Protein backbone atom coordinates (compact mmCIF):
# COMPACT_ATOMS: atom_id res chain seq x y z
CA UNK A 1 -13.05 20.68 119.65
CA UNK A 2 -9.65 20.98 117.93
CA UNK A 3 -6.71 23.17 118.81
CA UNK A 4 -7.12 26.95 118.43
CA UNK A 5 -6.51 28.17 114.89
CA UNK A 6 -5.16 31.36 113.38
CA UNK A 7 -6.99 33.32 110.70
CA UNK A 8 -4.92 34.09 107.57
CA UNK A 9 -5.68 35.63 104.20
CA UNK A 10 -4.92 33.82 100.98
CA UNK A 11 -4.92 35.04 97.40
CA UNK A 12 -5.45 32.51 94.61
CA UNK A 13 -6.47 32.83 90.99
CA UNK A 14 -10.00 32.12 89.75
CA UNK A 15 -9.11 28.74 88.22
CA UNK A 16 -7.59 27.46 91.47
CA UNK A 17 -10.60 28.78 93.40
CA UNK A 18 -12.91 26.76 91.13
CA UNK A 19 -10.79 23.64 91.71
CA UNK A 20 -10.82 24.31 95.45
CA UNK A 21 -14.61 24.71 95.45
CA UNK A 22 -14.97 21.43 93.54
CA UNK A 23 -13.31 19.63 96.48
CA UNK A 24 -15.88 20.83 99.01
CA UNK A 25 -17.88 17.82 100.18
CA UNK A 26 -15.03 15.37 99.57
CA UNK A 27 -13.04 13.74 102.39
CA UNK A 28 -15.17 15.52 104.98
CA UNK A 29 -14.41 19.05 103.76
CA UNK A 30 -17.43 21.22 104.55
CA UNK A 31 -16.06 24.51 103.20
CA UNK A 32 -13.05 26.17 101.56
CA UNK A 33 -11.17 26.41 104.85
CA UNK A 34 -11.49 22.65 105.40
CA UNK A 35 -10.21 21.97 101.86
CA UNK A 36 -7.20 24.27 102.38
CA UNK A 37 -6.44 22.71 105.80
CA UNK A 38 -6.61 19.19 104.33
CA UNK A 39 -4.35 20.21 101.44
CA UNK A 40 -1.80 21.74 103.81
CA UNK A 41 -1.84 18.65 106.04
CA UNK A 42 -1.41 16.35 103.05
CA UNK A 43 1.45 18.48 101.74
CA UNK A 44 3.25 18.62 105.08
CA UNK A 45 2.81 14.90 105.81
CA UNK A 46 4.03 14.02 102.32
CA UNK A 47 7.37 15.74 102.79
CA UNK A 48 10.51 13.59 103.02
CA UNK A 49 11.72 12.70 106.49
CA UNK A 50 15.37 13.38 105.69
CA UNK A 51 16.97 16.17 103.59
CA UNK A 52 18.36 13.80 100.92
CA UNK A 53 15.03 12.01 100.44
CA UNK A 54 12.38 12.83 97.87
CA UNK A 55 8.71 12.00 97.45
CA UNK A 56 6.54 11.26 94.46
CA UNK A 57 2.78 11.33 94.07
CA UNK A 58 1.09 8.57 92.10
CA UNK A 59 -2.51 8.90 90.96
CA UNK A 60 -4.39 5.63 91.48
CA UNK A 61 -7.38 4.31 89.61
CA UNK A 62 -10.23 2.62 91.42
CA UNK A 63 -9.02 -0.91 90.78
CA UNK A 64 -5.45 -0.18 91.94
CA UNK A 65 -6.79 1.60 95.01
CA UNK A 66 -9.09 -1.33 95.81
CA UNK A 67 -6.27 -3.85 95.33
CA UNK A 68 -3.96 -1.82 97.57
CA UNK A 69 -6.66 -1.63 100.25
CA UNK A 70 -7.07 -5.42 100.11
CA UNK A 71 -3.29 -5.87 100.26
CA UNK A 72 -3.19 -3.67 103.35
CA UNK A 73 -6.01 -5.65 104.96
CA UNK A 74 -4.41 -9.01 104.14
CA UNK A 75 -0.75 -8.26 104.76
CA UNK A 76 -0.53 -4.86 106.41
CA UNK A 77 1.38 -3.46 103.42
CA UNK A 78 0.78 0.28 103.08
CA UNK A 79 0.34 2.06 99.74
CA UNK A 80 3.73 3.70 100.26
CA UNK A 81 5.45 0.38 100.99
CA UNK A 82 3.90 -1.23 97.92
CA UNK A 83 4.89 1.72 95.72
CA UNK A 84 8.46 1.66 97.04
CA UNK A 85 8.76 -2.10 96.48
CA UNK A 86 7.38 -1.70 92.95
CA UNK A 87 9.85 1.09 92.22
CA UNK A 88 12.77 -0.97 93.54
CA UNK A 89 11.70 -3.93 91.41
CA UNK A 90 11.39 -1.72 88.31
CA UNK A 91 14.87 -0.27 88.87
CA UNK A 92 16.36 -3.73 89.44
CA UNK A 93 14.75 -5.10 86.26
CA UNK A 94 15.89 -2.08 84.22
CA UNK A 95 19.47 -2.41 85.46
CA UNK A 96 19.42 -6.16 84.74
CA UNK A 97 18.16 -5.54 81.17
CA UNK A 98 20.88 -2.93 80.63
CA UNK A 99 23.56 -5.28 81.95
CA UNK A 100 22.27 -8.12 79.74
CA UNK A 101 22.34 -5.82 76.70
CA UNK A 102 25.91 -4.79 77.46
CA UNK A 103 26.94 -8.44 77.86
CA UNK A 104 25.22 -9.38 74.60
CA UNK A 105 26.89 -6.51 72.73
CA UNK A 106 30.29 -7.50 74.17
CA UNK A 107 29.78 -11.15 73.17
CA UNK A 108 28.79 -10.04 69.66
CA UNK A 109 31.90 -7.88 69.33
CA UNK A 110 34.10 -10.76 70.50
CA UNK A 111 32.40 -13.14 68.05
CA UNK A 112 32.88 -10.70 65.18
CA UNK A 113 36.55 -10.30 66.07
CA UNK A 114 37.03 -14.07 65.88
CA UNK A 115 35.25 -14.44 62.55
CA UNK A 116 37.58 -15.01 59.59
CA UNK A 117 36.78 -12.58 56.83
CA UNK A 118 36.06 -14.18 53.48
CA UNK A 119 37.76 -12.72 50.40
CA UNK A 120 34.50 -12.61 48.45
CA UNK A 121 32.93 -10.30 51.03
CA UNK A 122 35.89 -7.93 51.29
CA UNK A 123 36.17 -4.91 49.04
C-alpha cells in the first residue's frame, strides 16, 4: 500500500468536473481522486528544475507518439530529449534564414549603390 494520504476538499466548476470524469478509466485512474492525483503528479514533475527554466507541453498524435516510442526503444532518446533537439534545430534554422536574408539584403543594397543610373530612367 502507498504512503498515507491527506483528505482535502476541492471546488471546481461543472465543466471541469465533466472533463475530470471523462478521464476516469484512463491511465489506471479508477475514480476522481486518482485522476486528480495523477494530474497533480504530472504538473509537479513537469515543472522546470531551475528558476530560469521553462517548460512547454506538446500534444502528440498517434503516429508521432509511436515514432517517439520506437526512437526510445532503438536509441534511448526520451520524448523530452527529442523535443528539445527539434526545438534547437528549429531555432538554428530560423536564425540561419534570418542571417541569410540580412546578407542578401546587404548585397542587394551594395549592388544598387554600384549601379550607374541611366539618364533615360531618371526623372
